[in-house]
Amino acid sequence: MRTSPVILLGAQRCGTTALAYAMNLAFHDAGGHFTVNGKLPYLLHRWLGRDDLADRHLRTDEILHALDRRPPDGAGVAAWRARVERSLRTAARDVAEGEAGADPVALARRILLESNEGLPHWGDKYNEYLLHLPWLGEVLPDARYVMLVRHPQEAARSMLRWTGDRPWKPESQAAAVAKWTSWNARWLAFQPQVPAERRLVIDYQALCRGEEGDRLSEFTGLDLHRYLTGLNPRTPAAPAGAELPQDTAAVWQALQESAAAPAAAAPVPTAQR
């Protein structure tokens, strides 16, 4: 028996990393594991296809290299990384022997479940999951989703201040807002496919004000209140009535309506097979 995983979603610079670290500690203290920027599902989607199975070659080396190039983080991550490698190596052997079947989704699901074997609570955060939601829904059909949303102008200003080697970073406010719009629209397209009790949309500013602890705790089944203290926005809140492009304004309004919707009944943990 295993509880359904919790996947934390959100566009870049919307506070997901700070929330992921809080969830990592809460899950770890409860005997589980929440990976900060685990990205294993993202890599499996990129490196595991029908052609790979037909050619009997699972690209385990590429996946492990990508994991180690920008390593996932959080308490317990070394043990998680070891489980991932064991599962990938076993899967690669089975693929080479023709014993893994022909369905890449089924094999990806197996690897993800083996990597979190025996944990009472588990989950992951990686921003790029927003770009692959239909596949994620297939590979983890019982997943619960926390979607963290932030005003597009705040997120855009934070993007532009980003440092480090990020060749995909926008260089103008307009480009950053457009990127925010595209990524968040992906969630709005996917949201109707997820039962109300398995999705929770929360507002970043409300989270920083300490207003989302009850909903997050009820949704995850863990008391998160003490782990959420100290979350503070580094970018000032966008002024009320801030002017936005029409398509961006429509996405932001839809996200706000989702965040303000009455909470659904608490999800019941389900077995994964």
C-alpha atoms as a PDB file:
ATOM      1  CA  MET A   1       0.000   0.000   0.000  1.00  0.00           C
ATOM      2  CA  ARG A   2       1.345   3.410  -0.928  1.00  0.00           C
ATOM      3  CA  THR A   3      -0.204   6.849  -0.696  1.00  0.00           C
ATOM      4  CA  SER A   4      -0.607   8.706  -3.937  1.00  0.00           C
ATOM      5  CA  PRO A   5       2.317  11.052  -4.701  1.00  0.00           C
ATOM      6  CA  VAL A   6       2.101  14.812  -4.322  1.00  0.00           C
ATOM      7  CA  ILE A   7       3.443  16.757  -7.308  1.00  0.00           C
ATOM      8  CA  LEU A   8       4.216  20.425  -6.727  1.00  0.00           C
ATOM      9  CA  LEU A   9       3.736  22.529  -9.858  1.00  0.00           C
ATOM     10  CA  GLY A  10       4.343  26.161 -10.714  1.00  0.00           C
ATOM     11  CA  ALA A  11       5.975  28.321 -13.348  1.00  0.00           C
ATOM     12  CA  GLN A  12       9.529  29.553 -12.876  1.00  0.00           C
ATOM     13  CA  ARG A  13      10.093  32.121 -10.112  1.00  0.00           C
ATOM     14  CA  CYS A  14       6.718  31.490  -8.499  1.00  0.00           C
ATOM     15  CA  GLY A  15       7.991  30.261  -5.129  1.00  0.00           C
ATOM     16  CA  THR A  16       7.926  26.535  -5.790  1.00  0.00           C
ATOM     17  CA  THR A  17      11.488  25.896  -4.614  1.00  0.00           C
ATOM     18  CA  ALA A  18      10.898  27.509  -1.210  1.00  0.00           C
ATOM     19  CA  LEU A  19       7.682  25.540  -0.765  1.00  0.00           C
ATOM     20  CA  ALA A  20       9.400  22.355  -1.962  1.00  0.00           C
ATOM     21  CA  TYR A  21      12.045  22.643   0.764  1.00  0.00           C
ATOM     22  CA  ALA A  22       9.311  23.029   3.383  1.00  0.00           C
ATOM     23  CA  MET A  23       7.490  19.975   2.052  1.00  0.00           C
ATOM     24  CA  ASN A  24      10.752  18.035   1.882  1.00  0.00           C
ATOM     25  CA  LEU A  25      11.350  18.506   5.606  1.00  0.00           C
ATOM     26  CA  ALA A  26       7.750  17.668   6.505  1.00  0.00           C
ATOM     27  CA  PHE A  27       7.754  14.499   4.406  1.00  0.00           C
ATOM     28  CA  HIS A  28      11.199  13.496   5.700  1.00  0.00           C
ATOM     29  CA  ASP A  29      10.164  13.898   9.331  1.00  0.00           C
ATOM     30  CA  ALA A  30       7.096  11.729   8.638  1.00  0.00           C
ATOM     31  CA  GLY A  31       9.252   8.921   7.233  1.00  0.00           C
ATOM     32  CA  GLY A  32       8.693   9.786   3.587  1.00  0.00           C
ATOM     33  CA  HIS A  33      10.518  11.783   0.943  1.00  0.00           C
ATOM     34  CA  PHE A  34       9.754  14.850  -1.162  1.00  0.00           C
ATOM     35  CA  THR A  35      12.392  15.560  -3.803  1.00  0.00           C
ATOM     36  CA  VAL A  36      13.346  19.168  -4.517  1.00  0.00           C
ATOM     37  CA  ASN A  37      13.856  19.398  -8.286  1.00  0.00           C
ATOM     38  CA  GLY A  38      13.909  15.636  -8.654  1.00  0.00           C
ATOM     39  CA  LYS A  39      13.113  15.823 -12.390  1.00  0.00           C
ATOM     40  CA  LEU A  40      13.151  12.040 -12.823  1.00  0.00           C
ATOM     41  CA  PRO A  41       9.717  11.966 -14.548  1.00  0.00           C
ATOM     42  CA  TYR A  42      10.878  14.754 -16.877  1.00  0.00           C
ATOM     43  CA  LEU A  43      14.001  12.786 -17.807  1.00  0.00           C
ATOM     44  CA  LEU A  44      12.074   9.556 -18.309  1.00  0.00           C
ATOM     45  CA  HIS A  45       9.701  11.361 -20.646  1.00  0.00           C
ATOM     46  CA  ARG A  46      12.669  12.649 -22.645  1.00  0.00           C
ATOM     47  CA  TRP A  47      14.781   9.471 -22.650  1.00  0.00           C
ATOM     48  CA  LEU A  48      12.338   6.564 -22.565  1.00  0.00           C
ATOM     49  CA  GLY A  49      10.241   5.936 -25.668  1.00  0.00           C
ATOM     50  CA  ARG A  50       8.869   3.052 -27.701  1.00  0.00           C
ATOM     51  CA  ASP A  51      11.899   3.093 -29.996  1.00  0.00           C
ATOM     52  CA  ASP A  52      14.201   2.678 -26.993  1.00  0.00           C
ATOM     53  CA  LEU A  53      12.280  -0.408 -25.882  1.00  0.00           C
ATOM     54  CA  ALA A  54      12.172  -1.805 -29.401  1.00  0.00           C
ATOM     55  CA  ASP A  55      15.932  -1.278 -29.704  1.00  0.00           C
ATOM     56  CA  ARG A  56      16.451  -2.779 -26.221  1.00  0.00           C
ATOM     57  CA  HIS A  57      18.363   0.232 -24.946  1.00  0.00           C
ATOM     58  CA  LEU A  58      17.259   2.234 -21.907  1.00  0.00           C
ATOM     59  CA  ARG A  59      19.464   5.334 -21.693  1.00  0.00           C
ATOM     60  CA  THR A  60      20.316   4.949 -18.036  1.00  0.00           C
ATOM     61  CA  ASP A  61      23.696   6.695 -18.387  1.00  0.00           C
ATOM     62  CA  GLU A  62      22.103   9.820 -19.860  1.00  0.00           C
ATOM     63  CA  ILE A  63      19.419   9.947 -17.181  1.00  0.00           C
ATOM     64  CA  LEU A  64      21.897   9.540 -14.323  1.00  0.00           C
ATOM     65  CA  HIS A  65      24.231  12.122 -15.844  1.00  0.00           C
ATOM     66  CA  ALA A  66      21.372  14.626 -16.103  1.00  0.00           C
ATOM     67  CA  LEU A  67      20.400  13.968 -12.488  1.00  0.00           C
ATOM     68  CA  ASP A  68      23.951  14.602 -11.330  1.00  0.00           C
ATOM     69  CA  ARG A  69      24.640  17.650 -13.516  1.00  0.00           C
ATOM     70  CA  ARG A  70      22.205  19.745 -11.461  1.00  0.00           C
ATOM     71  CA  PRO A  71      21.549  17.401  -8.538  1.00  0.00           C
ATOM     72  CA  PRO A  72      18.167  17.224  -6.814  1.00  0.00           C
ATOM     73  CA  ASP A  73      18.196  18.496  -3.248  1.00  0.00           C
ATOM     74  CA  GLY A  74      16.578  18.113   0.145  1.00  0.00           C
ATOM     75  CA  ALA A  75      16.823  15.893   3.214  1.00  0.00           C
ATOM     76  CA  GLY A  76      17.109  12.226   2.295  1.00  0.00           C
ATOM     77  CA  VAL A  77      18.082  12.907  -1.310  1.00  0.00           C
ATOM     78  CA  ALA A  78      21.151  10.617  -1.241  1.00  0.00           C
ATOM     79  CA  ALA A  79      19.024   7.607  -0.338  1.00  0.00           C
ATOM     80  CA  TRP A  80      16.493   8.567  -2.999  1.00  0.00           C
ATOM     81  CA  ARG A  81      19.262   8.919  -5.611  1.00  0.00           C
ATOM     82  CA  ALA A  82      20.561   5.446  -4.717  1.00  0.00           C
ATOM     83  CA  ARG A  83      17.098   3.915  -5.126  1.00  0.00           C
ATOM     84  CA  VAL A  84      16.720   5.657  -8.493  1.00  0.00           C
ATOM     85  CA  GLU A  85      19.993   4.226  -9.758  1.00  0.00           C
ATOM     86  CA  ARG A  86      19.133   0.703  -8.613  1.00  0.00           C
ATOM     87  CA  SER A  87      15.790   0.860 -10.377  1.00  0.00           C
ATOM     88  CA  LEU A  88      17.250   2.318 -13.573  1.00  0.00           C
ATOM     89  CA  ARG A  89      20.013  -0.291 -13.736  1.00  0.00           C
ATOM     90  CA  THR A  90      17.542  -3.119 -13.214  1.00  0.00           C
ATOM     91  CA  ALA A  91      15.201  -1.671 -15.821  1.00  0.00           C
ATOM     92  CA  ALA A  92      18.075  -1.269 -18.309  1.00  0.00           C
ATOM     93  CA  ARG A  93      18.961  -4.940 -17.895  1.00  0.00           C
ATOM     94  CA  ASP A  94      15.336  -5.973 -18.396  1.00  0.00           C
ATOM     95  CA  VAL A  95      15.085  -3.799 -21.503  1.00  0.00           C
ATOM     96  CA  ALA A  96      18.248  -5.340 -22.935  1.00  0.00           C
ATOM     97  CA  GLU A  97      16.850  -8.827 -22.300  1.00  0.00           C
ATOM     98  CA  GLY A  98      13.499  -7.955 -23.847  1.00  0.00           C
ATOM     99  CA  GLU A  99      11.715  -8.477 -20.522  1.00  0.00           C
ATOM    100  CA  ALA A 100      10.457  -4.913 -19.922  1.00  0.00           C
ATOM    101  CA  GLY A 101       7.528  -4.966 -22.338  1.00  0.00           C
ATOM    102  CA  ALA A 102       6.751  -2.441 -25.049  1.00  0.00           C
ATOM    103  CA  ASP A 103       4.985   0.265 -23.049  1.00  0.00           C
ATOM    104  CA  PRO A 104       7.271   3.161 -22.018  1.00  0.00           C
ATOM    105  CA  VAL A 105       4.613   4.634 -19.722  1.00  0.00           C
ATOM    106  CA  ALA A 106       4.342   1.380 -17.778  1.00  0.00           C
ATOM    107  CA  LEU A 107       8.125   1.138 -17.423  1.00  0.00           C
ATOM    108  CA  ALA A 108       8.399   4.786 -16.348  1.00  0.00           C
ATOM    109  CA  ARG A 109       5.698   4.153 -13.735  1.00  0.00           C
ATOM    110  CA  ARG A 110       7.596   1.110 -12.467  1.00  0.00           C
ATOM    111  CA  ILE A 111      10.833   3.111 -12.109  1.00  0.00           C
ATOM    112  CA  LEU A 112       9.101   5.926 -10.237  1.00  0.00           C
ATOM    113  CA  LEU A 113       7.333   3.544  -7.861  1.00  0.00           C
ATOM    114  CA  GLU A 114      10.499   1.529  -7.199  1.00  0.00           C
ATOM    115  CA  SER A 115      12.407   4.750  -6.509  1.00  0.00           C
ATOM    116  CA  ASN A 116       9.934   5.550  -3.725  1.00  0.00           C
ATOM    117  CA  GLU A 117       9.330   2.005  -2.538  1.00  0.00           C
ATOM    118  CA  GLY A 118       8.098   1.634   1.021  1.00  0.00           C
ATOM    119  CA  LEU A 119       7.603   5.349   1.701  1.00  0.00           C
ATOM    120  CA  PRO A 120       4.370   6.373   3.449  1.00  0.00           C
ATOM    121  CA  HIS A 121       4.485   9.811   1.757  1.00  0.00           C
ATOM    122  CA  TRP A 122       6.354  10.896  -1.351  1.00  0.00           C
ATOM    123  CA  GLY A 123       6.370  13.596  -3.954  1.00  0.00           C
ATOM    124  CA  ASP A 124       8.444  15.841  -6.175  1.00  0.00           C
ATOM    125  CA  LYS A 125       8.783  19.348  -7.556  1.00  0.00           C
ATOM    126  CA  TYR A 126      10.210  20.433 -10.892  1.00  0.00           C
ATOM    127  CA  ASN A 127       8.961  23.447 -12.828  1.00  0.00           C
ATOM    128  CA  GLU A 128       9.196  21.762 -16.223  1.00  0.00           C
ATOM    129  CA  TYR A 129       6.551  19.211 -15.207  1.00  0.00           C
ATOM    130  CA  LEU A 130       4.075  21.874 -16.322  1.00  0.00           C
ATOM    131  CA  LEU A 131       5.217  21.230 -19.899  1.00  0.00           C
ATOM    132  CA  HIS A 132       4.454  17.496 -19.765  1.00  0.00           C
ATOM    133  CA  LEU A 133       1.250  17.235 -17.752  1.00  0.00           C
ATOM    134  CA  PRO A 134      -0.714  14.817 -19.988  1.00  0.00           C
ATOM    135  CA  TRP A 135       2.174  12.313 -19.845  1.00  0.00           C
ATOM    136  CA  LEU A 136       2.576  12.858 -16.106  1.00  0.00           C
ATOM    137  CA  GLY A 137      -1.123  12.124 -15.698  1.00  0.00           C
ATOM    138  CA  GLU A 138      -0.637   8.816 -17.505  1.00  0.00           C
ATOM    139  CA  VAL A 139       2.453   7.696 -15.635  1.00  0.00           C
ATOM    140  CA  LEU A 140       1.115   8.697 -12.187  1.00  0.00           C
ATOM    141  CA  PRO A 141      -2.650   8.357 -12.589  1.00  0.00           C
ATOM    142  CA  ASP A 142      -3.384   8.804  -8.864  1.00  0.00           C
ATOM    143  CA  ALA A 143      -1.091  11.789  -8.280  1.00  0.00           C
ATOM    144  CA  ARG A 144      -2.253  14.777  -6.285  1.00  0.00           C
ATOM    145  CA  TYR A 145      -1.235  18.208  -7.576  1.00  0.00           C
ATOM    146  CA  VAL A 146      -0.406  21.390  -5.700  1.00  0.00           C
ATOM    147  CA  MET A 147      -0.266  24.308  -8.153  1.00  0.00           C
ATOM    148  CA  LEU A 148       1.439  27.430  -6.803  1.00  0.00           C
ATOM    149  CA  VAL A 149       0.494  30.606  -8.671  1.00  0.00           C
ATOM    150  CA  ARG A 150       2.036  34.073  -8.557  1.00  0.00           C
ATOM    151  CA  HIS A 151       1.133  37.352 -10.214  1.00  0.00           C
ATOM    152  CA  PRO A 152       2.761  37.431 -13.682  1.00  0.00           C
ATOM    153  CA  GLN A 153       4.475  40.775 -13.152  1.00  0.00           C
ATOM    154  CA  GLU A 154       6.052  39.617  -9.885  1.00  0.00           C
ATOM    155  CA  ALA A 155       7.258  36.385 -11.499  1.00  0.00           C
ATOM    156  CA  ALA A 156       8.574  38.273 -14.535  1.00  0.00           C
ATOM    157  CA  ARG A 157      10.575  40.727 -12.426  1.00  0.00           C
ATOM    158  CA  SER A 158      12.058  37.816 -10.506  1.00  0.00           C
ATOM    159  CA  MET A 159      12.968  36.045 -13.765  1.00  0.00           C
ATOM    160  CA  LEU A 160      14.852  39.088 -15.012  1.00  0.00           C
ATOM    161  CA  ARG A 161      16.936  39.213 -11.805  1.00  0.00           C
ATOM    162  CA  TRP A 162      17.887  35.545 -12.120  1.00  0.00           C
ATOM    163  CA  THR A 163      21.654  34.965 -12.168  1.00  0.00           C
ATOM    164  CA  GLY A 164      23.772  32.027 -13.232  1.00  0.00           C
ATOM    165  CA  ASP A 165      23.994  30.014 -16.435  1.00  0.00           C
ATOM    166  CA  ARG A 166      20.406  29.963 -17.645  1.00  0.00           C
ATOM    167  CA  PRO A 167      20.384  30.312 -21.442  1.00  0.00           C
ATOM    168  CA  TRP A 168      16.586  29.993 -21.519  1.00  0.00           C
ATOM    169  CA  LYS A 169      16.040  33.045 -19.274  1.00  0.00           C
ATOM    170  CA  PRO A 170      13.938  35.841 -20.880  1.00  0.00           C
ATOM    171  CA  GLU A 171      15.649  39.180 -21.391  1.00  0.00           C
ATOM    172  CA  SER A 172      12.637  41.519 -21.321  1.00  0.00           C
ATOM    173  CA  GLN A 173       9.602  42.003 -19.111  1.00  0.00           C
ATOM    174  CA  ALA A 174       7.290  41.278 -22.046  1.00  0.00           C
ATOM    175  CA  ALA A 175       9.069  38.008 -22.867  1.00  0.00           C
ATOM    176  CA  ALA A 176       9.016  36.929 -19.213  1.00  0.00           C
ATOM    177  CA  VAL A 177       5.282  37.641 -18.923  1.00  0.00           C
ATOM    178  CA  ALA A 178       4.653  35.716 -22.149  1.00  0.00           C
ATOM    179  CA  LYS A 179       6.593  32.737 -20.790  1.00  0.00           C
ATOM    180  CA  TRP A 180       4.591  32.857 -17.542  1.00  0.00           C
ATOM    181  CA  THR A 181       1.376  32.925 -19.566  1.00  0.00           C
ATOM    182  CA  SER A 182       2.295  29.908 -21.679  1.00  0.00           C
ATOM    183  CA  TRP A 183       3.387  27.769 -18.730  1.00  0.00           C
ATOM    184  CA  ASN A 184       0.372  28.557 -16.551  1.00  0.00           C
ATOM    185  CA  ALA A 185      -2.006  27.986 -19.457  1.00  0.00           C
ATOM    186  CA  ARG A 186      -0.714  24.415 -19.535  1.00  0.00           C
ATOM    187  CA  TRP A 187      -2.116  23.866 -16.051  1.00  0.00           C
ATOM    188  CA  LEU A 188      -5.479  25.382 -16.963  1.00  0.00           C
ATOM    189  CA  ALA A 189      -5.741  22.982 -19.916  1.00  0.00           C
ATOM    190  CA  PHE A 190      -4.881  19.982 -17.721  1.00  0.00           C
ATOM    191  CA  GLN A 191      -6.819  20.957 -14.590  1.00  0.00           C
ATOM    192  CA  PRO A 192     -10.249  19.662 -15.720  1.00  0.00           C
ATOM    193  CA  GLN A 193      -8.784  16.164 -16.106  1.00  0.00           C
ATOM    194  CA  VAL A 194      -7.879  16.019 -12.395  1.00  0.00           C
ATOM    195  CA  PRO A 195     -10.665  15.324  -9.872  1.00  0.00           C
ATOM    196  CA  ALA A 196     -11.245  18.268  -7.555  1.00  0.00           C
ATOM    197  CA  GLU A 197     -10.123  16.301  -4.497  1.00  0.00           C
ATOM    198  CA  ARG A 198      -6.718  15.663  -6.107  1.00  0.00           C
ATOM    199  CA  ARG A 199      -5.781  19.255  -6.955  1.00  0.00           C
ATOM    200  CA  LEU A 200      -5.094  22.347  -4.909  1.00  0.00           C
ATOM    201  CA  VAL A 201      -4.292  25.792  -6.317  1.00  0.00           C
ATOM    202  CA  ILE A 202      -2.690  28.205  -3.855  1.00  0.00           C
ATOM    203  CA  ASP A 203      -1.573  31.815  -4.176  1.00  0.00           C
ATOM    204  CA  TYR A 204       2.045  32.686  -3.492  1.00  0.00           C
ATOM    205  CA  GLN A 205       1.357  35.897  -1.588  1.00  0.00           C
ATOM    206  CA  ALA A 206      -1.259  34.141   0.557  1.00  0.00           C
ATOM    207  CA  LEU A 207       1.262  31.387   1.258  1.00  0.00           C
ATOM    208  CA  CYS A 208       3.858  33.944   2.397  1.00  0.00           C
ATOM    209  CA  ARG A 209       1.250  35.586   4.644  1.00  0.00           C
ATOM    210  CA  GLY A 210       0.728  32.245   6.386  1.00  0.00           C
ATOM    211  CA  GLU A 211      -2.803  31.744   5.067  1.00  0.00           C
ATOM    212  CA  GLU A 212      -2.393  28.432   3.250  1.00  0.00           C
ATOM    213  CA  GLY A 213      -1.114  26.138   6.009  1.00  0.00           C
ATOM    214  CA  ASP A 214      -4.495  24.614   6.796  1.00  0.00           C
ATOM    215  CA  ARG A 215      -5.322  23.776   3.209  1.00  0.00           C
ATOM    216  CA  LEU A 216      -1.876  22.362   2.463  1.00  0.00           C
ATOM    217  CA  SER A 217      -1.896  20.269   5.625  1.00  0.00           C
ATOM    218  CA  GLU A 218      -5.332  18.837   4.916  1.00  0.00           C
ATOM    219  CA  PHE A 219      -4.428  18.125   1.301  1.00  0.00           C
ATOM    220  CA  THR A 220      -1.116  16.354   2.019  1.00  0.00           C
ATOM    221  CA  GLY A 221      -2.260  14.649   5.219  1.00  0.00           C
ATOM    222  CA  LEU A 222       0.718  16.150   7.083  1.00  0.00           C
ATOM    223  CA  ASP A 223       0.867  19.095   9.471  1.00  0.00           C
ATOM    224  CA  LEU A 224       2.916  21.605   7.480  1.00  0.00           C
ATOM    225  CA  HIS A 225       2.379  24.702   9.619  1.00  0.00           C
ATOM    226  CA  ARG A 226       5.758  24.825  11.362  1.00  0.00           C
ATOM    227  CA  TYR A 227       7.586  24.122   8.110  1.00  0.00           C
ATOM    228  CA  LEU A 228       5.980  27.056   6.317  1.00  0.00           C
ATOM    229  CA  THR A 229       7.134  29.766   8.697  1.00  0.00           C
ATOM    230  CA  GLY A 230       9.635  32.240   7.331  1.00  0.00           C
ATOM    231  CA  LEU A 231       8.465  32.203   3.712  1.00  0.00           C
ATOM    232  CA  ASN A 232       8.830  35.762   2.444  1.00  0.00           C
ATOM    233  CA  PRO A 233       8.584  37.155  -1.101  1.00  0.00           C
ATOM    234  CA  ARG A 234      11.787  38.746  -2.382  1.00  0.00           C
ATOM    235  CA  THR A 235       9.875  40.689  -5.030  1.00  0.00           C
ATOM    236  CA  PRO A 236       7.278  43.311  -3.985  1.00  0.00           C
ATOM    237  CA  ALA A 237       3.658  42.414  -4.662  1.00  0.00           C
ATOM    238  CA  ALA A 238       2.265  43.677  -7.950  1.00  0.00           C
ATOM    239  CA  PRO A 239       0.034  46.736  -7.505  1.00  0.00           C
ATOM    240  CA  ALA A 240      -3.704  46.146  -7.557  1.00  0.00           C
ATOM    241  CA  GLY A 241      -5.104  46.573 -11.048  1.00  0.00           C
ATOM    242  CA  ALA A 242      -1.703  46.159 -12.697  1.00  0.00           C
ATOM    243  CA  GLU A 243      -2.137  46.237 -16.455  1.00  0.00           C
ATOM    244  CA  LEU A 244      -1.533  42.937 -18.238  1.00  0.00           C
ATOM    245  CA  PRO A 245      -1.771  41.709 -21.836  1.00  0.00           C
ATOM    246  CA  GLN A 246      -5.227  40.356 -22.555  1.00  0.00           C
ATOM    247  CA  ASP A 247      -4.226  36.694 -22.736  1.00  0.00           C
ATOM    248  CA  THR A 248      -2.136  36.991 -19.572  1.00  0.00           C
ATOM    249  CA  ALA A 249      -4.973  38.711 -17.711  1.00  0.00           C
ATOM    250  CA  ALA A 250      -7.346  35.901 -18.697  1.00  0.00           C
ATOM    251  CA  VAL A 251      -4.940  33.229 -17.425  1.00  0.00           C
ATOM    252  CA  TRP A 252      -4.331  35.118 -14.179  1.00  0.00           C
ATOM    253  CA  GLN A 253      -8.048  35.549 -13.561  1.00  0.00           C
ATOM    254  CA  ALA A 254      -8.678  31.842 -14.128  1.00  0.00           C
ATOM    255  CA  LEU A 255      -5.892  30.919 -11.720  1.00  0.00           C
ATOM    256  CA  GLN A 256      -7.240  33.269  -9.057  1.00  0.00           C
ATOM    257  CA  GLU A 257     -10.683  31.750  -9.417  1.00  0.00           C
ATOM    258  CA  SER A 258      -9.204  28.273  -8.998  1.00  0.00           C
ATOM    259  CA  ALA A 259      -7.273  29.349  -5.907  1.00  0.00           C
ATOM    260  CA  ALA A 260     -10.402  30.887  -4.386  1.00  0.00           C
ATOM    261  CA  ALA A 261     -12.599  27.850  -5.065  1.00  0.00           C
ATOM    262  CA  PRO A 262     -13.947  26.060  -1.963  1.00  0.00           C
ATOM    263  CA  ALA A 263     -11.759  23.204  -0.835  1.00  0.00           C
ATOM    264  CA  ALA A 264     -12.825  19.767  -2.021  1.00  0.00           C
ATOM    265  CA  ALA A 265     -13.062  16.830   0.339  1.00  0.00           C
ATOM    266  CA  ALA A 266      -9.681  15.622   1.559  1.00  0.00           C
ATOM    267  CA  PRO A 267      -8.211  12.995  -0.792  1.00  0.00           C
ATOM    268  CA  VAL A 268      -8.149   9.414   0.333  1.00  0.00           C
ATOM    269  CA  PRO A 269      -4.725   7.763  -0.099  1.00  0.00           C
ATOM    270  CA  THR A 270      -4.862   5.147  -2.825  1.00  0.00           C
ATOM    271  CA  ALA A 271      -2.750   2.142  -3.625  1.00  0.00           C
ATOM    272  CA  GLN A 272      -0.419   2.358  -6.609  1.00  0.00           C
ATOM    273  CA  ARG A 273       0.201  -0.731  -8.663  1.00  0.00           C
END
